[in-house]
Amino acid sequence: SDSKFILYIRKFLKNPLLARSQVSVDLIHPEMANVSKEQIKRKLCAQMKAKEEATSIYGLKTAFGGGRSTGYALIYDSLDAKKQYE
């Protein structure tokens, strides 16, 4: 079920002060109502070569009519950095 959606990284911003990368993502999922955060996290971490436990997904919005969603992700450099800033 992971291959039923396409994930695009729209905006990428490296934030060294907070030890993280800030990413805006677009999702295309025509045969799914919406995509779970766990599935998005798995696919994004595989693309960015990051650790799943040091990543957080938020602000997901599904477009009217479905099939497309947008959201944001914070990919921390380490689990300690995530615990410190979140």
PDB file of N, CA and C in Angstrom:
ATOM      1  N   SER A   1       0.817  -1.203   0.000  1.00  0.00           N
ATOM      2  CA  SER A   1       0.000   0.000   0.000  1.00  0.00           C
ATOM      3  C   SER A   1       0.858   1.264   0.000  1.00  0.00           C
ATOM      4  N   ASP A   2       2.179   1.126   0.173  1.00  0.00           N
ATOM      5  CA  ASP A   2       3.037   2.309   0.176  1.00  0.00           C
ATOM      6  C   ASP A   2       3.198   2.924  -1.212  1.00  0.00           C
ATOM      7  N   SER A   3       3.065   2.100  -2.258  1.00  0.00           N
ATOM      8  CA  SER A   3       3.326   2.601  -3.606  1.00  0.00           C
ATOM      9  C   SER A   3       2.080   3.204  -4.250  1.00  0.00           C
ATOM     10  N   LYS A   4       0.977   3.344  -3.500  1.00  0.00           N
ATOM     11  CA  LYS A   4      -0.252   3.877  -4.067  1.00  0.00           C
ATOM     12  C   LYS A   4      -0.304   5.395  -4.048  1.00  0.00           C
ATOM     13  N   PHE A   5       0.748   6.045  -3.574  1.00  0.00           N
ATOM     14  CA  PHE A   5       0.776   7.512  -3.605  1.00  0.00           C
ATOM     15  C   PHE A   5       2.166   7.995  -4.009  1.00  0.00           C
ATOM     16  N   ILE A   6       2.193   9.209  -4.547  1.00  0.00           N
ATOM     17  CA  ILE A   6       3.452   9.822  -4.985  1.00  0.00           C
ATOM     18  C   ILE A   6       3.728  10.998  -4.061  1.00  0.00           C
ATOM     19  N   LEU A   7       4.973  11.113  -3.607  1.00  0.00           N
ATOM     20  CA  LEU A   7       5.369  12.183  -2.697  1.00  0.00           C
ATOM     21  C   LEU A   7       6.365  13.100  -3.403  1.00  0.00           C
ATOM     22  N   TYR A   8       6.031  14.377  -3.470  1.00  0.00           N
ATOM     23  CA  TYR A   8       6.928  15.379  -4.037  1.00  0.00           C
ATOM     24  C   TYR A   8       7.389  16.321  -2.945  1.00  0.00           C
ATOM     25  N   ILE A   9       8.680  16.638  -2.943  1.00  0.00           N
ATOM     26  CA  ILE A   9       9.212  17.633  -2.018  1.00  0.00           C
ATOM     27  C   ILE A   9       9.176  18.970  -2.748  1.00  0.00           C
ATOM     28  N   ARG A  10       8.313  19.873  -2.275  1.00  0.00           N
ATOM     29  CA  ARG A  10       8.121  21.134  -2.976  1.00  0.00           C
ATOM     30  C   ARG A  10       9.135  22.187  -2.528  1.00  0.00           C
ATOM     31  N   LYS A  11       9.229  22.401  -1.227  1.00  0.00           N
ATOM     32  CA  LYS A  11      10.176  23.398  -0.710  1.00  0.00           C
ATOM     33  C   LYS A  11      11.077  22.708   0.302  1.00  0.00           C
ATOM     34  N   PHE A  12      12.357  23.016   0.249  1.00  0.00           N
ATOM     35  CA  PHE A  12      13.323  22.419   1.180  1.00  0.00           C
ATOM     36  C   PHE A  12      14.132  23.555   1.793  1.00  0.00           C
ATOM     37  N   LEU A  13      14.182  23.602   3.115  1.00  0.00           N
ATOM     38  CA  LEU A  13      14.933  24.642   3.810  1.00  0.00           C
ATOM     39  C   LEU A  13      15.771  23.994   4.903  1.00  0.00           C
ATOM     40  N   LYS A  14      17.079  24.205   4.861  1.00  0.00           N
ATOM     41  CA  LYS A  14      17.966  23.690   5.904  1.00  0.00           C
ATOM     42  C   LYS A  14      18.038  24.733   7.010  1.00  0.00           C
ATOM     43  N   ASN A  15      17.749  24.308   8.241  1.00  0.00           N
ATOM     44  CA  ASN A  15      17.773  25.209   9.387  1.00  0.00           C
ATOM     45  C   ASN A  15      18.840  24.719  10.373  1.00  0.00           C
ATOM     46  N   PRO A  16      20.092  25.166  10.231  1.00  0.00           N
ATOM     47  CA  PRO A  16      21.158  24.681  11.121  1.00  0.00           C
ATOM     48  C   PRO A  16      21.001  25.144  12.577  1.00  0.00           C
ATOM     49  N   LEU A  17      20.312  26.249  12.792  1.00  0.00           N
ATOM     50  CA  LEU A  17      20.133  26.761  14.147  1.00  0.00           C
ATOM     51  C   LEU A  17      19.289  25.809  14.997  1.00  0.00           C
ATOM     52  N   LEU A  18      18.274  25.210  14.393  1.00  0.00           N
ATOM     53  CA  LEU A  18      17.427  24.250  15.093  1.00  0.00           C
ATOM     54  C   LEU A  18      17.765  22.810  14.724  1.00  0.00           C
ATOM     55  N   ALA A  19      18.868  22.593  14.026  1.00  0.00           N
ATOM     56  CA  ALA A  19      19.374  21.261  13.648  1.00  0.00           C
ATOM     57  C   ALA A  19      18.315  20.445  12.914  1.00  0.00           C
ATOM     58  N   ARG A  20      17.693  21.063  11.894  1.00  0.00           N
ATOM     59  CA  ARG A  20      16.656  20.348  11.162  1.00  0.00           C
ATOM     60  C   ARG A  20      16.537  20.840   9.721  1.00  0.00           C
ATOM     61  N   SER A  21      15.828  20.052   8.935  1.00  0.00           N
ATOM     62  CA  SER A  21      15.438  20.442   7.586  1.00  0.00           C
ATOM     63  C   SER A  21      13.933  20.610   7.595  1.00  0.00           C
ATOM     64  N   GLN A  22      13.454  21.679   6.981  1.00  0.00           N
ATOM     65  CA  GLN A  22      12.025  21.957   6.925  1.00  0.00           C
ATOM     66  C   GLN A  22      11.575  21.726   5.482  1.00  0.00           C
ATOM     67  N   VAL A  23      10.546  20.909   5.318  1.00  0.00           N
ATOM     68  CA  VAL A  23      10.145  20.460   3.998  1.00  0.00           C
ATOM     69  C   VAL A  23       8.644  20.654   3.819  1.00  0.00           C
ATOM     70  N   SER A  24       8.262  21.137   2.648  1.00  0.00           N
ATOM     71  CA  SER A  24       6.857  21.184   2.261  1.00  0.00           C
ATOM     72  C   SER A  24       6.636  20.053   1.262  1.00  0.00           C
ATOM     73  N   VAL A  25       5.615  19.222   1.498  1.00  0.00           N
ATOM     74  CA  VAL A  25       5.400  18.049   0.648  1.00  0.00           C
ATOM     75  C   VAL A  25       4.049  18.114  -0.054  1.00  0.00           C
ATOM     76  N   ASP A  26       4.033  17.602  -1.276  1.00  0.00           N
ATOM     77  CA  ASP A  26       2.803  17.410  -2.040  1.00  0.00           C
ATOM     78  C   ASP A  26       2.601  15.915  -2.204  1.00  0.00           C
ATOM     79  N   LEU A  27       1.381  15.459  -2.020  1.00  0.00           N
ATOM     80  CA  LEU A  27       1.050  14.051  -2.175  1.00  0.00           C
ATOM     81  C   LEU A  27      -0.012  13.908  -3.250  1.00  0.00           C
ATOM     82  N   ILE A  28       0.164  12.911  -4.101  1.00  0.00           N
ATOM     83  CA  ILE A  28      -0.855  12.571  -5.084  1.00  0.00           C
ATOM     84  C   ILE A  28      -1.287  11.141  -4.792  1.00  0.00           C
ATOM     85  N   HIS A  29      -2.571  10.985  -4.451  1.00  0.00           N
ATOM     86  CA  HIS A  29      -3.094   9.662  -4.062  1.00  0.00           C
ATOM     87  C   HIS A  29      -4.480   9.466  -4.667  1.00  0.00           C
ATOM     88  N   PRO A  30      -4.553   9.169  -5.980  1.00  0.00           N
ATOM     89  CA  PRO A  30      -5.858   9.084  -6.644  1.00  0.00           C
ATOM     90  C   PRO A  30      -6.779   7.966  -6.152  1.00  0.00           C
ATOM     91  N   GLU A  31      -6.241   6.798  -5.760  1.00  0.00           N
ATOM     92  CA  GLU A  31      -7.139   5.729  -5.321  1.00  0.00           C
ATOM     93  C   GLU A  31      -7.241   5.589  -3.802  1.00  0.00           C
ATOM     94  N   MET A  32      -6.729   6.578  -3.060  1.00  0.00           N
ATOM     95  CA  MET A  32      -6.836   6.567  -1.600  1.00  0.00           C
ATOM     96  C   MET A  32      -7.568   7.829  -1.146  1.00  0.00           C
ATOM     97  N   ALA A  33      -8.335   7.731  -0.055  1.00  0.00           N
ATOM     98  CA  ALA A  33      -9.028   8.903   0.479  1.00  0.00           C
ATOM     99  C   ALA A  33      -8.006   9.893   1.049  1.00  0.00           C
ATOM    100  N   ASN A  34      -7.103   9.395   1.883  1.00  0.00           N
ATOM    101  CA  ASN A  34      -5.978  10.181   2.378  1.00  0.00           C
ATOM    102  C   ASN A  34      -4.865   9.217   2.781  1.00  0.00           C
ATOM    103  N   VAL A  35      -3.716   9.768   3.123  1.00  0.00           N
ATOM    104  CA  VAL A  35      -2.542   8.953   3.421  1.00  0.00           C
ATOM    105  C   VAL A  35      -2.183   9.149   4.889  1.00  0.00           C
ATOM    106  N   SER A  36      -1.844   8.071   5.589  1.00  0.00           N
ATOM    107  CA  SER A  36      -1.493   8.183   7.004  1.00  0.00           C
ATOM    108  C   SER A  36      -0.118   8.823   7.168  1.00  0.00           C
ATOM    109  N   LYS A  37       0.077   9.444   8.330  1.00  0.00           N
ATOM    110  CA  LYS A  37       1.363  10.078   8.619  1.00  0.00           C
ATOM    111  C   LYS A  37       2.499   9.058   8.629  1.00  0.00           C
ATOM    112  N   GLU A  38       2.207   7.833   9.079  1.00  0.00           N
ATOM    113  CA  GLU A  38       3.232   6.783   9.114  1.00  0.00           C
ATOM    114  C   GLU A  38       3.706   6.422   7.707  1.00  0.00           C
ATOM    115  N   GLN A  39       2.774   6.332   6.762  1.00  0.00           N
ATOM    116  CA  GLN A  39       3.151   6.024   5.381  1.00  0.00           C
ATOM    117  C   GLN A  39       3.970   7.162   4.773  1.00  0.00           C
ATOM    118  N   ILE A  40       3.552   8.402   5.052  1.00  0.00           N
ATOM    119  CA  ILE A  40       4.278   9.567   4.535  1.00  0.00           C
ATOM    120  C   ILE A  40       5.682   9.599   5.125  1.00  0.00           C
ATOM    121  N   LYS A  41       5.776   9.371   6.441  1.00  0.00           N
ATOM    122  CA  LYS A  41       7.070   9.390   7.121  1.00  0.00           C
ATOM    123  C   LYS A  41       8.011   8.331   6.555  1.00  0.00           C
ATOM    124  N   ARG A  42       7.474   7.118   6.309  1.00  0.00           N
ATOM    125  CA  ARG A  42       8.280   6.024   5.770  1.00  0.00           C
ATOM    126  C   ARG A  42       8.849   6.392   4.399  1.00  0.00           C
ATOM    127  N   LYS A  43       7.994   6.919   3.520  1.00  0.00           N
ATOM    128  CA  LYS A  43       8.426   7.242   2.158  1.00  0.00           C
ATOM    129  C   LYS A  43       9.371   8.445   2.145  1.00  0.00           C
ATOM    130  N   LEU A  44       9.077   9.470   2.966  1.00  0.00           N
ATOM    131  CA  LEU A  44       9.922  10.668   3.024  1.00  0.00           C
ATOM    132  C   LEU A  44      11.307  10.338   3.571  1.00  0.00           C
ATOM    133  N   CYS A  45      11.373   9.529   4.609  1.00  0.00           N
ATOM    134  CA  CYS A  45      12.663   9.155   5.201  1.00  0.00           C
ATOM    135  C   CYS A  45      13.485   8.307   4.251  1.00  0.00           C
ATOM    136  N   ALA A  46      12.828   7.485   3.451  1.00  0.00           N
ATOM    137  CA  ALA A  46      13.550   6.705   2.448  1.00  0.00           C
ATOM    138  C   ALA A  46      14.133   7.633   1.376  1.00  0.00           C
ATOM    139  N   GLN A  47      13.371   8.657   0.994  1.00  0.00           N
ATOM    140  CA  GLN A  47      13.851   9.609  -0.013  1.00  0.00           C
ATOM    141  C   GLN A  47      14.995  10.478   0.524  1.00  0.00           C
ATOM    142  N   MET A  48      14.856  10.948   1.767  1.00  0.00           N
ATOM    143  CA  MET A  48      15.817  11.891   2.336  1.00  0.00           C
ATOM    144  C   MET A  48      16.949  11.195   3.098  1.00  0.00           C
ATOM    145  N   LYS A  49      16.912   9.861   3.193  1.00  0.00           N
ATOM    146  CA  LYS A  49      17.895   9.085   3.950  1.00  0.00           C
ATOM    147  C   LYS A  49      17.987   9.584   5.396  1.00  0.00           C
ATOM    148  N   ALA A  50      16.817   9.678   6.031  1.00  0.00           N
ATOM    149  CA  ALA A  50      16.734  10.180   7.402  1.00  0.00           C
ATOM    150  C   ALA A  50      16.135   9.107   8.306  1.00  0.00           C
ATOM    151  N   LYS A  51      16.221   9.349   9.619  1.00  0.00           N
ATOM    152  CA  LYS A  51      15.662   8.419  10.592  1.00  0.00           C
ATOM    153  C   LYS A  51      14.184   8.757  10.820  1.00  0.00           C
ATOM    154  N   GLU A  52      13.344   7.720  10.839  1.00  0.00           N
ATOM    155  CA  GLU A  52      11.906   7.931  11.033  1.00  0.00           C
ATOM    156  C   GLU A  52      11.581   8.525  12.398  1.00  0.00           C
ATOM    157  N   GLU A  53      12.319   8.123  13.438  1.00  0.00           N
ATOM    158  CA  GLU A  53      12.012   8.622  14.785  1.00  0.00           C
ATOM    159  C   GLU A  53      12.412  10.091  14.969  1.00  0.00           C
ATOM    160  N   ALA A  54      13.259  10.628  14.078  1.00  0.00           N
ATOM    161  CA  ALA A  54      13.675  12.029  14.169  1.00  0.00           C
ATOM    162  C   ALA A  54      12.907  12.913  13.178  1.00  0.00           C
ATOM    163  N   THR A  55      11.757  12.432  12.724  1.00  0.00           N
ATOM    164  CA  THR A  55      10.962  13.157  11.733  1.00  0.00           C
ATOM    165  C   THR A  55       9.561  13.376  12.272  1.00  0.00           C
ATOM    166  N   SER A  56       8.990  14.542  12.012  1.00  0.00           N
ATOM    167  CA  SER A  56       7.592  14.778  12.381  1.00  0.00           C
ATOM    168  C   SER A  56       6.854  15.387  11.192  1.00  0.00           C
ATOM    169  N   ILE A  57       5.634  14.909  10.981  1.00  0.00           N
ATOM    170  CA  ILE A  57       4.771  15.339   9.888  1.00  0.00           C
ATOM    171  C   ILE A  57       3.609  16.116  10.506  1.00  0.00           C
ATOM    172  N   TYR A  58       3.230  17.243   9.919  1.00  0.00           N
ATOM    173  CA  TYR A  58       2.108  18.018  10.456  1.00  0.00           C
ATOM    174  C   TYR A  58       1.457  18.856   9.352  1.00  0.00           C
ATOM    175  N   GLY A  59       0.323  19.423   9.657  1.00  0.00           N
ATOM    176  CA  GLY A  59      -0.353  20.354   8.760  1.00  0.00           C
ATOM    177  C   GLY A  59      -0.859  19.741   7.471  1.00  0.00           C
ATOM    178  N   LEU A  60      -1.322  18.497   7.521  1.00  0.00           N
ATOM    179  CA  LEU A  60      -1.803  17.854   6.299  1.00  0.00           C
ATOM    180  C   LEU A  60      -3.198  18.362   5.939  1.00  0.00           C
ATOM    181  N   LYS A  61      -3.355  18.749   4.673  1.00  0.00           N
ATOM    182  CA  LYS A  61      -4.640  19.207   4.181  1.00  0.00           C
ATOM    183  C   LYS A  61      -4.939  18.493   2.870  1.00  0.00           C
ATOM    184  N   THR A  62      -6.108  17.871   2.787  1.00  0.00           N
ATOM    185  CA  THR A  62      -6.529  17.205   1.559  1.00  0.00           C
ATOM    186  C   THR A  62      -7.297  18.202   0.710  1.00  0.00           C
ATOM    187  N   ALA A  63      -6.981  18.267  -0.581  1.00  0.00           N
ATOM    188  CA  ALA A  63      -7.653  19.185  -1.493  1.00  0.00           C
ATOM    189  C   ALA A  63      -9.102  18.756  -1.685  1.00  0.00           C
ATOM    190  N   PHE A  64      -9.970  19.718  -1.970  1.00  0.00           N
ATOM    191  CA  PHE A  64     -11.386  19.428  -2.194  1.00  0.00           C
ATOM    192  C   PHE A  64     -11.521  18.469  -3.364  1.00  0.00           C
ATOM    193  N   GLY A  65     -12.275  17.403  -3.168  1.00  0.00           N
ATOM    194  CA  GLY A  65     -12.411  16.389  -4.201  1.00  0.00           C
ATOM    195  C   GLY A  65     -11.453  15.231  -4.004  1.00  0.00           C
ATOM    196  N   GLY A  66     -10.481  15.365  -3.135  1.00  0.00           N
ATOM    197  CA  GLY A  66      -9.539  14.288  -2.831  1.00  0.00           C
ATOM    198  C   GLY A  66      -8.489  14.091  -3.907  1.00  0.00           C
ATOM    199  N   GLY A  67      -7.641  13.109  -3.692  1.00  0.00           N
ATOM    200  CA  GLY A  67      -6.597  12.783  -4.662  1.00  0.00           C
ATOM    201  C   GLY A  67      -5.300  13.533  -4.488  1.00  0.00           C
ATOM    202  N   ARG A  68      -5.334  14.692  -3.833  1.00  0.00           N
ATOM    203  CA  ARG A  68      -4.125  15.483  -3.606  1.00  0.00           C
ATOM    204  C   ARG A  68      -4.117  16.002  -2.166  1.00  0.00           C
ATOM    205  N   SER A  69      -2.935  16.056  -1.585  1.00  0.00           N
ATOM    206  CA  SER A  69      -2.784  16.613  -0.240  1.00  0.00           C
ATOM    207  C   SER A  69      -1.487  17.394  -0.168  1.00  0.00           C
ATOM    208  N   THR A  70      -1.431  18.314   0.777  1.00  0.00           N
ATOM    209  CA  THR A  70      -0.203  19.051   1.046  1.00  0.00           C
ATOM    210  C   THR A  70       0.043  19.010   2.547  1.00  0.00           C
ATOM    211  N   GLY A  71       1.301  19.175   2.931  1.00  0.00           N
ATOM    212  CA  GLY A  71       1.637  19.169   4.344  1.00  0.00           C
ATOM    213  C   GLY A  71       3.080  19.586   4.550  1.00  0.00           C
ATOM    214  N   TYR A  72       3.534  19.490   5.785  1.00  0.00           N
ATOM    215  CA  TYR A  72       4.878  19.896   6.156  1.00  0.00           C
ATOM    216  C   TYR A  72       5.554  18.798   6.956  1.00  0.00           C
ATOM    217  N   ALA A  73       6.881  18.799   6.903  1.00  0.00           N
ATOM    218  CA  ALA A  73       7.645  17.830   7.675  1.00  0.00           C
ATOM    219  C   ALA A  73       8.884  18.512   8.238  1.00  0.00           C
ATOM    220  N   LEU A  74       9.253  18.124   9.440  1.00  0.00           N
ATOM    221  CA  LEU A  74      10.492  18.566  10.064  1.00  0.00           C
ATOM    222  C   LEU A  74      11.375  17.334  10.218  1.00  0.00           C
ATOM    223  N   ILE A  75      12.548  17.376   9.596  1.00  0.00           N
ATOM    224  CA  ILE A  75      13.483  16.256   9.660  1.00  0.00           C
ATOM    225  C   ILE A  75      14.675  16.710  10.494  1.00  0.00           C
ATOM    226  N   TYR A  76      14.740  16.221  11.722  1.00  0.00           N
ATOM    227  CA  TYR A  76      15.813  16.629  12.627  1.00  0.00           C
ATOM    228  C   TYR A  76      17.080  15.836  12.355  1.00  0.00           C
ATOM    229  N   ASP A  77      18.233  16.448  12.671  1.00  0.00           N
ATOM    230  CA  ASP A  77      19.519  15.786  12.471  1.00  0.00           C
ATOM    231  C   ASP A  77      19.693  14.595  13.406  1.00  0.00           C
ATOM    232  N   SER A  78      19.090  14.663  14.593  1.00  0.00           N
ATOM    233  CA  SER A  78      19.191  13.559  15.548  1.00  0.00           C
ATOM    234  C   SER A  78      17.931  13.510  16.405  1.00  0.00           C
ATOM    235  N   LEU A  79      17.763  12.403  17.104  1.00  0.00           N
ATOM    236  CA  LEU A  79      16.616  12.259  18.001  1.00  0.00           C
ATOM    237  C   LEU A  79      16.717  13.222  19.184  1.00  0.00           C
ATOM    238  N   ASP A  80      17.944  13.495  19.639  1.00  0.00           N
ATOM    239  CA  ASP A  80      18.144  14.452  20.741  1.00  0.00           C
ATOM    240  C   ASP A  80      17.698  15.847  20.344  1.00  0.00           C
ATOM    241  N   ALA A  81      17.983  16.248  19.105  1.00  0.00           N
ATOM    242  CA  ALA A  81      17.560  17.571  18.627  1.00  0.00           C
ATOM    243  C   ALA A  81      16.043  17.663  18.576  1.00  0.00           C
ATOM    244  N   LYS A  82      15.379  16.584  18.164  1.00  0.00           N
ATOM    245  CA  LYS A  82      13.907  16.584  18.125  1.00  0.00           C
ATOM    246  C   LYS A  82      13.330  16.722  19.525  1.00  0.00           C
ATOM    247  N   LYS A  83      13.896  15.994  20.478  1.00  0.00           N
ATOM    248  CA  LYS A  83      13.414  16.061  21.849  1.00  0.00           C
ATOM    249  C   LYS A  83      13.630  17.450  22.446  1.00  0.00           C
ATOM    250  N   GLN A  84      14.715  18.104  22.059  1.00  0.00           N
ATOM    251  CA  GLN A  84      15.030  19.432  22.595  1.00  0.00           C
ATOM    252  C   GLN A  84      14.081  20.493  22.076  1.00  0.00           C
ATOM    253  N   TYR A  85      13.729  20.443  20.793  1.00  0.00           N
ATOM    254  CA  TYR A  85      12.971  21.521  20.171  1.00  0.00           C
ATOM    255  C   TYR A  85      11.481  21.244  20.044  1.00  0.00           C
ATOM    256  N   GLU A  86      11.023  20.020  20.252  1.00  0.00           N
ATOM    257  CA  GLU A  86       9.591  19.742  20.136  1.00  0.00           C
ATOM    258  C   GLU A  86       8.983  19.443  21.479  1.00  0.00           C
TER     259      GLU A  86
END
